[in-house]
C-alpha cells in the first residue's frame, strides 16, 4: 500500500482491521480480523523497507524482470507493507 492513502492513515490511528475475501459468486467468503502491522515506508531503493517489498513480491509473484526499476517505483510511490496479525476468522463455505 502507499503512505498517503486513507487506509494507511486509518490503520495508523486504529490498528483494528479486517480482510474480506469472497468467491466469484459471492456465496462463499472468509473474513480475517486482527491488528495491522505497518512496515516502514520505502525511502531509498536499497533500504530495509524496499527489501521487505521485494521479499513480499517474490512470495506472491516470483521473480521480477527489472528489480532496480521495481525498487525505484516503490520509493516513488511511498510504498510499505501492511501485514495483519489475525486474531479471528469466520466465513461461509459453499454447500
Protein backbone atom coordinates (compact mmCIF):
# COMPACT_ATOMS: atom_id res chain seq x y z
CA UNK A 1 0.00 0.00 0.00
CA UNK A 2 1.06 3.64 -0.10
CA UNK A 3 1.75 6.01 2.78
CA UNK A 4 -0.67 8.68 1.54
CA UNK A 5 -3.84 6.56 1.41
CA UNK A 6 -6.70 6.87 3.86
CA UNK A 7 -6.39 3.11 4.53
CA UNK A 8 -2.85 3.63 5.80
CA UNK A 9 -3.77 6.61 7.98
CA UNK A 10 -6.75 4.71 9.40
CA UNK A 11 -4.54 1.70 10.28
CA UNK A 12 -2.04 4.03 11.95
CA UNK A 13 -4.80 5.64 14.01
CA UNK A 14 -6.62 2.40 14.87
CA UNK A 15 -4.84 -0.86 14.04
CA UNK A 16 -8.00 -3.00 14.11
CA UNK A 17 -8.55 -4.19 10.53
CA UNK A 18 -10.46 -6.84 8.64
CA UNK A 19 -9.91 -8.54 5.31
CA UNK A 20 -12.89 -9.90 3.39
CA UNK A 21 -12.34 -12.41 0.57
CA UNK A 22 -15.26 -13.83 -1.39
CA UNK A 23 -15.77 -16.40 -4.12
CA UNK A 24 -16.64 -15.35 -7.66
CA UNK A 25 -20.34 -15.84 -6.97
CA UNK A 26 -20.09 -14.10 -3.55
CA UNK A 27 -21.71 -17.08 -1.81
CA UNK A 28 -18.60 -18.34 -0.05
CA UNK A 29 -16.45 -15.88 1.89
CA UNK A 30 -13.84 -15.55 4.60
CA UNK A 31 -13.25 -12.63 6.94
CA UNK A 32 -9.99 -12.29 8.87
CA UNK A 33 -9.91 -9.77 11.70
CA UNK A 34 -6.83 -8.60 13.56
CA UNK A 35 -4.33 -5.84 14.11
CA UNK A 36 -2.47 -4.09 11.31
CA UNK A 37 1.31 -4.18 11.46
CA UNK A 38 2.66 -1.41 9.24
CA UNK A 39 6.15 -1.60 7.81
CA UNK A 40 8.32 1.40 7.14
CA UNK A 41 7.85 3.49 4.00
CA UNK A 42 10.41 2.78 1.27
CA UNK A 43 12.56 5.93 1.10
CA UNK A 44 15.60 4.55 -0.72
CA UNK A 45 15.80 1.71 -3.26
CA UNK A 46 18.25 -0.16 -1.03
CA UNK A 47 16.68 0.38 2.40
CA UNK A 48 15.13 -2.39 4.53
CA UNK A 49 11.59 -1.26 3.61
CA UNK A 50 12.33 -1.77 -0.10
CA UNK A 51 13.87 -5.15 0.76
CA UNK A 52 10.64 -6.12 2.55
CA UNK A 53 8.60 -5.17 -0.52
CA UNK A 54 10.90 -7.25 -2.74
CA UNK A 55 10.51 -10.22 -0.39
CA UNK A 56 6.71 -9.89 -0.45
CA UNK A 57 6.68 -9.65 -4.25
CA UNK A 58 8.84 -12.75 -4.53
CA UNK A 59 6.48 -14.72 -2.26
CA UNK A 60 3.41 -13.65 -4.23
CA UNK A 61 4.62 -13.46 -7.82
CA UNK A 62 8.15 -14.85 -8.10
CA UNK A 63 10.99 -13.01 -9.75
CA UNK A 64 10.62 -9.56 -11.30
CA UNK A 65 12.19 -8.76 -14.66
CA UNK A 66 13.68 -5.45 -13.51
CA UNK A 67 14.36 -5.32 -9.76
CA UNK A 68 16.13 -1.96 -9.93
CA UNK A 69 13.10 -0.34 -11.57
CA UNK A 70 10.76 -2.13 -9.14
CA UNK A 71 12.66 -0.67 -6.17
CA UNK A 72 12.64 2.84 -7.70
CA UNK A 73 8.87 2.67 -8.16
CA UNK A 74 8.35 1.53 -4.54
CA UNK A 75 10.22 4.64 -3.36
CA UNK A 76 8.45 6.99 -5.79
CA UNK A 77 5.04 5.67 -4.71
CA UNK A 78 5.97 5.66 -0.98
CA UNK A 79 5.04 2.00 -0.64
CA UNK A 80 5.01 -0.02 2.56
CA UNK A 81 3.85 -3.44 3.69
CA UNK A 82 0.71 -3.83 5.78
CA UNK A 83 0.55 -7.22 7.49
CA UNK A 84 -2.33 -8.44 9.61
CA UNK A 85 -1.83 -10.21 12.91
CA UNK A 86 -5.02 -12.29 12.60
CA UNK A 87 -6.92 -12.93 15.81
CA UNK A 88 -10.25 -14.19 14.49
CA UNK A 89 -11.65 -15.66 11.26
CA UNK A 90 -15.14 -16.59 10.15
CA UNK A 91 -16.96 -17.24 6.91
CA UNK A 92 -19.28 -19.34 4.84
CA UNK A 93 -18.39 -22.31 2.67
CA UNK A 94 -20.21 -23.39 -0.46
CA UNK A 95 -22.91 -26.03 0.20
